[in-house]
Amino acid sequence: MTSTPTCCQKSAKKKDWLLWGSLSACVVFYLLSFLPLLLSSPLPFITEMAESVYLLINTIWWGLLIGILMLSFLTRVPREFVVAALGPRDSMRGILRATVAGVLLDLCSHGILMVAAKLYERGASTAQVMAFLIASPWNSFTLLLILLTLIGWQWTLLFLFASMLIAFLSGCIFMWLQDVKKIAPNPNEFDLPADFHFWSEATKAISGVVLTPAYLIETLKNGLSESRMVVRWILFGVLLASVLRTAIEPELFANYFGPSLMGLALTVLAATVIEVCSEGSTPIAADLLTRGQAPGNSFAFLMAGVATDYTEIMVLRETTKSWRIALLLPLVTLPQVIVVAVLLNVSFS
């Protein structure tokens, strides 16, 4: 039986100008940040671009690396196990499992994209992938601990459960949209055999694996190959964010974006414009709560950046081959984020 080539395999036949162009530009600006003469450059834009690219790459590299390693692992996992682990795809239980899995996975918004794309390829439903993706980006254990130290455990837990609720409800909405045929189902979906037993099948599969150097190298090569689709948009996002950061000072959020409707609107707009990495958004969100006295704006800044992130929308477009599904990410989640943010601001005032 011949396998159907993936989108990554198809794109490998021609030059990936977006990937190599973004990678080259990121490397150039990153290296420029080490030049002492750049500090006295007559072109401050170049200096700020170099500093921004340097900071962003240093912030997200670990998430990309872990994402590639997890993607490499998933290439070896038969899709029957993925579907069985996530539960029934057309049920609230399956969406709840995907939401919890997204929270438990310790990855940033960049690494999680690779895993979500692979889950879609392995047969998870669109609703499950969306719930997983929305629940994940800032809810890794690492970032939860950082947020815990910045705003306290009460606000951290409240933000956590509110984001899980939005992820779960969004997954339910996508399941309903598929039921009424407003979006197409995942073409990779399939039904598990009636006699499939997860643990017994997993035991047999693991016992047959021999961890030779050749096996590990081939696994890593597969992960690197299949991560290209996501990596190129992440690198492009780093460049785009660096351009925007030269014109926008993030400190302004904590000082001027108060708990009013106008402040919330500006916060959502700012999150849409500059959000690239979840690590970078966490301290700013904490300032919005502690200095700006606007917990709703803080929550909106964390979630709206995820819901409207350019990289995520483009990766969803390439993964699902559907602009409708990709654009429904902000259309479905953003109204929920705004409602929760208004309630948080009102309850705090």
Protein backbone atom coordinates (compact mmCIF):
# COMPACT_ATOMS: atom_id res chain seq x y z
CA MET A 1 0.00 0.00 0.00
CA THR A 2 1.38 3.42 -0.92
CA SER A 3 1.03 6.20 1.59
CA THR A 4 -0.40 9.57 0.72
CA PRO A 5 2.27 12.25 0.87
CA THR A 6 1.85 14.82 3.58
CA CYS A 7 1.78 18.54 2.98
CA CYS A 8 5.37 18.72 4.20
CA GLN A 9 6.46 16.07 1.72
CA LYS A 10 4.71 17.88 -1.09
CA SER A 11 6.29 21.21 -0.25
CA ALA A 12 9.72 19.57 -0.09
CA LYS A 13 9.69 19.28 -3.90
CA LYS A 14 10.00 23.04 -4.30
CA LYS A 15 11.99 25.70 -2.53
CA ASP A 16 10.34 26.86 0.67
CA TRP A 17 11.10 30.56 0.33
CA LEU A 18 9.16 31.54 3.44
CA LEU A 19 11.11 29.10 5.60
CA TRP A 20 14.57 29.86 4.26
CA GLY A 21 13.94 33.60 3.94
CA SER A 22 12.65 33.89 7.51
CA LEU A 23 15.41 31.65 8.84
CA SER A 24 18.11 33.65 7.06
CA ALA A 25 16.74 36.96 8.33
CA CYS A 26 16.48 35.65 11.90
CA VAL A 27 20.06 34.34 11.78
CA VAL A 28 21.36 37.66 10.43
CA PHE A 29 19.60 39.78 13.06
CA TYR A 30 20.52 37.33 15.83
CA LEU A 31 24.21 37.52 14.90
CA LEU A 32 24.04 41.30 14.57
CA SER A 33 23.00 41.51 18.22
CA PHE A 34 26.51 40.37 19.19
CA LEU A 35 28.24 43.23 17.37
CA PRO A 36 29.31 46.02 19.77
CA LEU A 37 29.37 48.54 16.93
CA LEU A 38 25.63 48.00 16.48
CA LEU A 39 24.98 49.87 19.73
CA SER A 40 26.18 53.09 18.09
CA SER A 41 24.48 52.38 14.78
CA PRO A 42 22.97 55.42 13.03
CA LEU A 43 20.01 53.15 12.21
CA PRO A 44 18.20 52.52 15.52
CA PHE A 45 15.66 50.34 13.73
CA ILE A 46 18.36 47.76 12.94
CA THR A 47 19.57 47.81 16.55
CA GLU A 48 16.07 47.29 17.94
CA MET A 49 15.30 44.56 15.41
CA ALA A 50 18.47 42.70 16.35
CA GLU A 51 17.72 43.00 20.07
CA SER A 52 14.12 41.86 19.61
CA VAL A 53 15.01 38.86 17.46
CA TYR A 54 17.70 37.92 19.98
CA LEU A 55 15.27 38.07 22.90
CA LEU A 56 12.47 36.22 21.12
CA ILE A 57 14.70 33.41 19.85
CA ASN A 58 16.23 32.98 23.31
CA THR A 59 12.72 32.82 24.76
CA ILE A 60 11.11 30.33 22.38
CA TRP A 61 13.95 28.00 21.41
CA TRP A 62 13.21 25.47 24.16
CA GLY A 63 9.54 25.29 23.19
CA LEU A 64 10.47 24.69 19.56
CA LEU A 65 12.99 22.02 20.52
CA ILE A 66 10.59 20.15 22.78
CA GLY A 67 7.86 20.50 20.16
CA ILE A 68 10.09 18.94 17.50
CA LEU A 69 11.06 16.10 19.87
CA MET A 70 7.41 15.41 20.73
CA LEU A 71 6.48 15.56 17.07
CA SER A 72 9.26 13.07 16.34
CA PHE A 73 7.79 10.78 18.97
CA LEU A 74 4.28 11.14 17.55
CA THR A 75 5.47 10.10 14.09
CA ARG A 76 6.18 6.68 15.63
CA VAL A 77 2.84 6.41 17.46
CA PRO A 78 0.11 4.67 15.43
CA ARG A 79 -2.91 6.89 15.13
CA GLU A 80 -5.11 4.26 16.80
CA PHE A 81 -3.38 5.08 20.09
CA VAL A 82 -3.85 8.84 19.62
CA VAL A 83 -7.56 8.46 18.92
CA ALA A 84 -8.01 6.03 21.82
CA ALA A 85 -6.19 8.34 24.25
CA LEU A 86 -8.32 11.36 23.29
CA GLY A 87 -11.55 9.40 23.59
CA PRO A 88 -14.66 9.52 21.37
CA ARG A 89 -14.16 12.31 18.87
CA ASP A 90 -17.84 13.28 18.57
CA SER A 91 -18.57 13.65 22.25
CA MET A 92 -18.09 16.12 25.09
CA ARG A 93 -15.96 13.53 26.86
CA GLY A 94 -13.50 13.55 23.97
CA ILE A 95 -13.38 17.35 23.98
CA LEU A 96 -12.84 17.38 27.76
CA ARG A 97 -9.95 14.94 27.41
CA ALA A 98 -8.37 17.10 24.73
CA THR A 99 -8.74 20.18 26.95
CA VAL A 100 -7.06 18.48 29.90
CA ALA A 101 -4.31 17.13 27.65
CA GLY A 102 -3.64 20.65 26.40
CA VAL A 103 -3.24 21.97 29.95
CA LEU A 104 -1.03 19.11 31.10
CA LEU A 105 1.37 19.35 28.18
CA ASP A 106 4.24 21.62 29.23
CA LEU A 107 4.76 23.49 25.97
CA CYS A 108 4.61 27.09 24.81
CA SER A 109 2.36 28.36 22.03
CA HIS A 110 4.99 27.55 19.41
CA GLY A 111 5.77 24.00 20.41
CA ILE A 112 2.09 23.17 20.88
CA LEU A 113 1.29 24.04 17.26
CA MET A 114 3.42 21.16 16.00
CA VAL A 115 1.71 18.69 18.33
CA ALA A 116 -1.78 19.97 17.41
CA ALA A 117 -1.05 19.64 13.69
CA LYS A 118 0.16 16.08 14.25
CA LEU A 119 -2.91 15.19 16.29
CA TYR A 120 -5.07 16.36 13.38
CA GLU A 121 -3.08 14.21 10.98
CA ARG A 122 -3.37 11.25 13.36
CA GLY A 123 -7.16 11.42 13.31
CA ALA A 124 -8.27 13.68 16.18
CA SER A 125 -11.43 15.60 15.36
CA THR A 126 -11.36 19.30 14.57
CA ALA A 127 -13.20 19.99 17.84
CA GLN A 128 -10.60 18.08 19.86
CA VAL A 129 -7.70 19.80 18.13
CA MET A 130 -9.24 23.22 18.77
CA ALA A 131 -9.89 22.48 22.44
CA PHE A 132 -6.34 21.18 22.81
CA LEU A 133 -4.85 24.21 21.08
CA ILE A 134 -6.89 26.83 22.96
CA ALA A 135 -6.22 25.23 26.36
CA SER A 136 -2.49 24.86 25.87
CA PRO A 137 -0.47 27.97 25.00
CA TRP A 138 0.00 29.72 28.35
CA ASN A 139 -1.20 26.89 30.61
CA SER A 140 2.02 24.90 30.68
CA PHE A 141 3.27 24.07 34.16
CA THR A 142 6.28 26.31 33.63
CA LEU A 143 4.22 29.38 32.80
CA LEU A 144 1.66 28.60 35.49
CA LEU A 145 4.46 28.66 38.07
CA ILE A 146 5.71 31.97 36.67
CA LEU A 147 2.21 33.44 36.76
CA LEU A 148 1.72 32.06 40.28
CA THR A 149 4.70 34.04 41.54
CA LEU A 150 3.55 37.19 39.75
CA ILE A 151 -0.17 37.40 40.59
CA GLY A 152 -0.80 34.81 43.31
CA TRP A 153 -2.53 31.46 43.39
CA GLN A 154 -6.13 32.77 43.50
CA TRP A 155 -5.92 34.70 40.25
CA THR A 156 -3.79 31.99 38.62
CA LEU A 157 -6.34 29.26 39.36
CA LEU A 158 -9.20 31.50 38.24
CA PHE A 159 -7.44 32.23 34.94
CA LEU A 160 -6.68 28.53 34.51
CA PHE A 161 -10.27 27.34 34.96
CA ALA A 162 -11.66 30.19 32.86
CA SER A 163 -9.34 29.33 29.98
CA MET A 164 -10.20 25.61 30.26
CA LEU A 165 -13.91 26.51 30.16
CA ILE A 166 -13.39 28.58 27.00
CA ALA A 167 -11.38 25.77 25.40
CA PHE A 168 -14.07 23.21 26.23
CA LEU A 169 -16.95 25.40 25.04
CA SER A 170 -15.07 26.26 21.86
CA GLY A 171 -14.53 22.57 21.17
CA CYS A 172 -18.26 21.97 21.65
CA ILE A 173 -19.05 24.80 19.22
CA PHE A 174 -16.74 23.32 16.59
CA MET A 175 -18.37 19.91 17.12
CA TRP A 176 -21.79 21.51 16.56
CA LEU A 177 -20.55 23.35 13.46
CA GLN A 178 -19.41 20.03 12.04
CA ASP A 179 -22.72 18.37 12.92
CA VAL A 180 -24.66 21.06 11.00
CA LYS A 181 -22.15 20.79 8.14
CA LYS A 182 -20.79 24.32 8.45
CA ILE A 183 -17.26 22.92 8.54
CA ALA A 184 -15.93 19.74 7.01
CA PRO A 185 -14.86 16.84 9.25
CA ASN A 186 -11.22 15.89 9.55
CA PRO A 187 -10.50 13.69 6.49
CA ASN A 188 -8.04 11.73 8.64
CA GLU A 189 -10.75 10.56 11.06
CA PHE A 190 -11.34 6.82 11.33
CA ASP A 191 -13.11 4.37 13.62
CA LEU A 192 -11.15 2.19 16.01
CA PRO A 193 -11.48 -1.57 15.59
CA ALA A 194 -14.01 -3.05 17.99
CA ASP A 195 -11.38 -5.36 19.49
CA PHE A 196 -8.79 -2.60 20.08
CA HIS A 197 -7.57 -2.51 23.69
CA PHE A 198 -5.24 0.38 24.43
CA TRP A 199 -3.00 -1.06 27.14
CA SER A 200 -2.56 -4.53 25.65
CA GLU A 201 -1.84 -3.06 22.22
CA ALA A 202 0.54 -0.51 23.74
CA THR A 203 2.44 -3.23 25.60
CA LYS A 204 2.91 -5.21 22.40
CA ALA A 205 3.97 -2.14 20.44
CA ILE A 206 6.53 -1.02 23.05
CA SER A 207 8.02 -4.50 23.36
CA GLY A 208 8.68 -4.50 19.62
CA VAL A 209 10.67 -1.23 19.65
CA VAL A 210 14.47 -1.48 19.51
CA LEU A 211 16.12 1.84 20.37
CA THR A 212 19.07 1.69 18.02
CA PRO A 213 20.96 4.84 16.94
CA ALA A 214 19.56 4.41 13.43
CA TYR A 215 16.00 4.26 14.80
CA LEU A 216 16.48 7.42 16.89
CA ILE A 217 18.12 9.33 14.03
CA GLU A 218 15.33 8.37 11.63
CA THR A 219 12.72 9.40 14.20
CA LEU A 220 14.36 12.80 14.66
CA LYS A 221 14.62 13.29 10.89
CA ASN A 222 10.90 12.61 10.54
CA GLY A 223 10.14 15.16 13.27
CA LEU A 224 12.33 17.80 11.67
CA SER A 225 10.74 17.21 8.27
CA GLU A 226 7.18 17.43 9.53
CA SER A 227 7.87 20.49 11.69
CA ARG A 228 8.84 22.66 8.71
CA MET A 229 5.28 23.81 8.12
CA VAL A 230 5.05 25.25 11.63
CA VAL A 231 8.64 26.47 12.00
CA ARG A 232 8.48 28.69 8.93
CA TRP A 233 5.46 30.59 10.30
CA ILE A 234 7.02 30.87 13.74
CA LEU A 235 10.21 32.40 12.31
CA PHE A 236 8.14 34.75 10.18
CA GLY A 237 6.17 35.65 13.31
CA VAL A 238 9.40 36.45 15.16
CA LEU A 239 10.36 38.91 12.41
CA LEU A 240 6.88 40.44 12.30
CA ALA A 241 6.77 40.83 16.07
CA SER A 242 10.22 42.40 16.09
CA VAL A 243 9.11 45.00 13.55
CA LEU A 244 6.05 45.83 15.66
CA ARG A 245 8.03 45.97 18.89
CA THR A 246 10.18 48.74 17.51
CA ALA A 247 7.07 50.92 17.32
CA ILE A 248 5.11 49.73 20.37
CA GLU A 249 6.28 49.91 23.97
CA PRO A 250 4.71 47.06 25.99
CA GLU A 251 5.11 49.05 29.23
CA LEU A 252 2.30 51.30 28.04
CA PHE A 253 -0.21 48.51 28.65
CA ALA A 254 0.27 48.47 32.40
CA ASN A 255 0.14 52.26 32.67
CA TYR A 256 -2.74 53.24 30.40
CA PHE A 257 -4.93 50.20 29.75
CA GLY A 258 -7.31 50.30 32.70
CA PRO A 259 -10.39 48.19 33.54
CA SER A 260 -12.75 50.18 31.29
CA LEU A 261 -14.35 48.95 28.09
CA MET A 262 -11.99 51.18 26.12
CA GLY A 263 -9.01 49.82 28.06
CA LEU A 264 -10.18 46.26 27.40
CA ALA A 265 -10.65 47.00 23.69
CA LEU A 266 -7.14 48.46 23.47
CA THR A 267 -5.74 45.48 25.37
CA VAL A 268 -7.32 43.02 22.93
CA LEU A 269 -6.04 45.08 20.01
CA ALA A 270 -2.54 45.18 21.50
CA ALA A 271 -2.56 41.43 22.16
CA THR A 272 -3.61 40.85 18.56
CA VAL A 273 -0.81 43.04 17.23
CA ILE A 274 2.19 42.03 19.31
CA GLU A 275 1.48 38.57 20.73
CA VAL A 276 4.02 36.04 19.55
CA CYS A 277 5.18 33.99 22.51
CA SER A 278 3.35 32.98 25.66
CA GLU A 279 6.48 33.55 27.76
CA GLY A 280 6.62 37.18 26.70
CA SER A 281 2.93 37.79 27.39
CA THR A 282 2.94 36.48 30.97
CA PRO A 283 4.88 39.35 32.66
CA ILE A 284 2.88 41.95 30.73
CA ALA A 285 -0.37 40.27 31.77
CA ALA A 286 0.80 40.30 35.39
CA ASP A 287 1.50 44.05 35.16
CA LEU A 288 -1.99 44.66 33.82
CA LEU A 289 -3.39 43.04 36.95
CA THR A 290 -1.01 44.31 39.63
CA ARG A 291 -0.24 47.79 38.29
CA GLY A 292 -3.21 48.44 36.04
CA GLN A 293 -5.75 46.94 38.48
CA ALA A 294 -7.48 45.26 35.53
CA PRO A 295 -7.71 41.46 35.96
CA GLY A 296 -10.02 41.16 32.97
CA ASN A 297 -7.51 42.92 30.75
CA SER A 298 -4.79 40.63 32.10
CA PHE A 299 -6.81 37.53 31.20
CA ALA A 300 -7.77 38.98 27.82
CA PHE A 301 -4.13 39.73 27.01
CA LEU A 302 -3.18 36.10 27.67
CA MET A 303 -6.10 34.56 25.78
CA ALA A 304 -6.66 37.06 22.96
CA GLY A 305 -3.08 36.71 21.83
CA VAL A 306 -3.69 32.98 21.45
CA ALA A 307 -7.06 33.38 19.75
CA THR A 308 -5.87 35.93 17.20
CA ASP A 309 -2.25 34.85 16.72
CA TYR A 310 -1.25 35.10 13.05
CA THR A 311 1.03 32.07 13.27
CA GLU A 312 -1.67 29.82 14.69
CA ILE A 313 -4.22 30.91 12.09
CA MET A 314 -1.83 30.23 9.21
CA VAL A 315 -0.76 26.85 10.61
CA LEU A 316 -4.42 25.87 11.04
CA ARG A 317 -5.05 26.91 7.45
CA GLU A 318 -2.25 24.72 6.17
CA THR A 319 -3.11 21.81 8.47
CA THR A 320 -6.86 21.71 7.78
CA LYS A 321 -6.71 23.14 4.24
CA SER A 322 -9.62 25.38 5.27
CA TRP A 323 -9.66 29.15 5.71
CA ARG A 324 -13.08 28.82 7.37
CA ILE A 325 -11.78 26.61 10.19
CA ALA A 326 -8.69 28.79 10.66
CA LEU A 327 -10.67 32.04 10.86
CA LEU A 328 -13.25 30.48 13.18
CA LEU A 329 -10.53 30.24 15.85
CA PRO A 330 -10.77 33.98 16.70
CA LEU A 331 -14.46 34.24 15.79
CA VAL A 332 -15.43 31.51 18.25
CA THR A 333 -13.01 32.20 21.10
CA LEU A 334 -12.64 35.99 21.18
CA PRO A 335 -16.27 36.80 22.17
CA GLN A 336 -15.97 34.34 25.09
CA VAL A 337 -12.68 35.92 26.17
CA ILE A 338 -14.23 39.40 26.15
CA VAL A 339 -17.25 38.27 28.21
CA VAL A 340 -15.01 36.65 30.84
CA ALA A 341 -12.72 39.71 30.88
CA VAL A 342 -15.66 42.09 31.46
CA LEU A 343 -16.95 39.92 34.33
CA LEU A 344 -13.49 39.85 35.93
CA ASN A 345 -13.12 43.62 35.70
CA VAL A 346 -16.60 44.25 37.09
CA SER A 347 -16.11 41.82 40.00
CA PHE A 348 -12.76 43.43 40.91
CA SER A 349 -14.00 47.04 40.81
